[in-house]
Amino acid sequence: MRLFSPLPPLCALVVSACLVCPALAGEKDELALTLKQLEHIQASLERARIQANQDNPARFYFDYSRASKEVEIIRQGIARYLEPSRAQPTVPVNVAEPLRGDYRREQQ
């Protein structure tokens, strides 16, 4: 006489697998949305840079070049995560400095 049926553990495994898939899809959807937002940020930075060049020079200015480079580093990292390369080894992004988040510069 069997006291243990393999059906309940199998059902539990299937249910848990089904719960994980939407979480992964949700993460990928959110990261894809983040990529689109980063594209908009790049465009906004470019528009602001052009506008700043037309305005009067100030003692302090925003370092648009550095900000754009850091946004691009973040974008590349997310893109590599979303579409990993299986055939080739991953080439790490050569970042000479870590992200700083400080974009205020003084005119010299």
Protein backbone atom coordinates (compact mmCIF):
# COMPACT_ATOMS: atom_id res chain seq x y z
CA MET A 1 0.00 0.00 0.00
CA ARG A 2 1.39 3.41 -1.03
CA LEU A 3 1.26 6.16 1.55
CA PHE A 4 2.98 8.76 -0.60
CA SER A 5 1.69 9.99 -3.94
CA PRO A 6 4.13 11.80 -6.28
CA LEU A 7 1.32 14.02 -7.59
CA PRO A 8 1.24 16.74 -4.85
CA PRO A 9 5.00 17.50 -5.03
CA LEU A 10 4.80 17.58 -8.81
CA CYS A 11 1.85 19.98 -8.67
CA ALA A 12 3.74 22.18 -6.22
CA LEU A 13 6.73 22.27 -8.55
CA VAL A 14 4.59 23.23 -11.57
CA VAL A 15 2.77 25.95 -9.61
CA SER A 16 6.03 27.43 -8.32
CA ALA A 17 7.50 27.43 -11.84
CA CYS A 18 4.43 29.26 -13.13
CA LEU A 19 4.80 31.89 -10.43
CA VAL A 20 8.44 32.54 -11.30
CA CYS A 21 7.86 33.14 -15.04
CA PRO A 22 5.65 36.23 -14.63
CA ALA A 23 8.15 37.68 -12.17
CA LEU A 24 10.95 37.32 -14.72
CA ALA A 25 8.77 38.71 -17.49
CA GLY A 26 7.85 41.62 -15.24
CA GLU A 27 11.49 42.34 -14.51
CA LYS A 28 12.41 42.27 -18.19
CA ASP A 29 9.46 44.54 -19.02
CA GLU A 30 10.53 47.02 -16.35
CA LEU A 31 14.14 46.98 -17.55
CA ALA A 32 13.02 47.46 -21.16
CA LEU A 33 10.99 50.46 -19.99
CA THR A 34 14.07 51.73 -18.15
CA LEU A 35 16.05 51.53 -21.42
CA LYS A 36 13.43 53.67 -23.16
CA GLN A 37 13.53 56.16 -20.30
CA LEU A 38 17.33 56.32 -20.52
CA GLU A 39 16.99 57.14 -24.24
CA HIS A 40 14.67 60.00 -23.30
CA ILE A 41 17.15 61.15 -20.67
CA GLN A 42 19.94 61.20 -23.28
CA ALA A 43 17.75 63.27 -25.61
CA SER A 44 16.88 65.67 -22.76
CA LEU A 45 20.54 66.04 -21.84
CA GLU A 46 21.38 66.86 -25.46
CA ARG A 47 18.62 69.49 -25.67
CA ALA A 48 19.75 71.02 -22.37
CA ARG A 49 23.38 71.05 -23.56
CA ILE A 50 22.43 72.91 -26.73
CA GLN A 51 20.37 75.39 -24.74
CA ALA A 52 23.18 75.90 -22.22
CA ASN A 53 25.61 76.71 -25.04
CA GLN A 54 23.27 79.49 -26.19
CA ASP A 55 22.89 81.01 -22.72
CA ASN A 56 25.34 83.28 -20.93
CA PRO A 57 28.42 81.57 -19.54
CA ALA A 58 28.28 81.05 -15.80
CA ARG A 59 30.94 80.30 -13.24
CA PHE A 60 29.55 76.82 -12.69
CA TYR A 61 28.17 74.59 -15.41
CA PHE A 62 26.67 71.14 -15.79
CA ASP A 63 29.05 68.54 -17.24
CA TYR A 64 26.76 67.15 -19.96
CA SER A 65 29.48 65.01 -21.49
CA ARG A 66 30.12 63.13 -18.25
CA ALA A 67 26.41 62.70 -17.52
CA SER A 68 25.80 61.32 -21.03
CA LYS A 69 28.68 58.87 -20.70
CA GLU A 70 27.37 57.58 -17.37
CA VAL A 71 23.83 57.19 -18.72
CA GLU A 72 25.31 55.22 -21.64
CA ILE A 73 27.24 52.94 -19.25
CA ILE A 74 24.02 52.19 -17.37
CA ARG A 75 22.14 51.61 -20.64
CA GLN A 76 24.78 49.18 -21.89
CA GLY A 77 24.73 47.25 -18.63
CA ILE A 78 20.95 46.81 -18.73
CA ALA A 79 21.04 45.87 -22.43
CA ARG A 80 23.71 43.22 -21.76
CA TYR A 81 21.59 41.79 -18.95
CA LEU A 82 18.47 41.64 -21.12
CA GLU A 83 20.25 40.02 -24.08
CA PRO A 84 23.18 38.02 -22.75
CA SER A 85 25.68 36.75 -25.28
CA ARG A 86 25.96 32.97 -24.98
CA ALA A 87 28.27 32.35 -27.92
CA GLN A 88 31.02 34.78 -26.96
CA PRO A 89 32.58 35.67 -23.65
CA THR A 90 31.32 38.90 -22.18
CA VAL A 91 33.65 41.84 -22.67
CA PRO A 92 33.39 44.04 -19.60
CA VAL A 93 32.87 47.75 -20.11
CA ASN A 94 36.14 49.52 -19.49
CA VAL A 95 35.22 52.12 -16.91
CA ALA A 96 38.23 54.16 -15.87
CA GLU A 97 36.25 55.72 -13.02
CA PRO A 98 33.17 54.56 -11.16
CA LEU A 99 29.95 56.48 -11.68
CA ARG A 100 30.22 59.71 -9.74
CA GLY A 101 26.89 61.45 -10.08
CA ASP A 102 28.63 64.83 -9.65
CA TYR A 103 28.11 66.94 -12.74
CA ARG A 104 28.76 70.45 -11.44
CA ARG A 105 31.90 72.02 -12.90
CA GLU A 106 33.55 75.40 -12.42
CA GLN A 107 34.71 77.56 -15.34
CA GLN A 108 38.46 78.08 -15.42
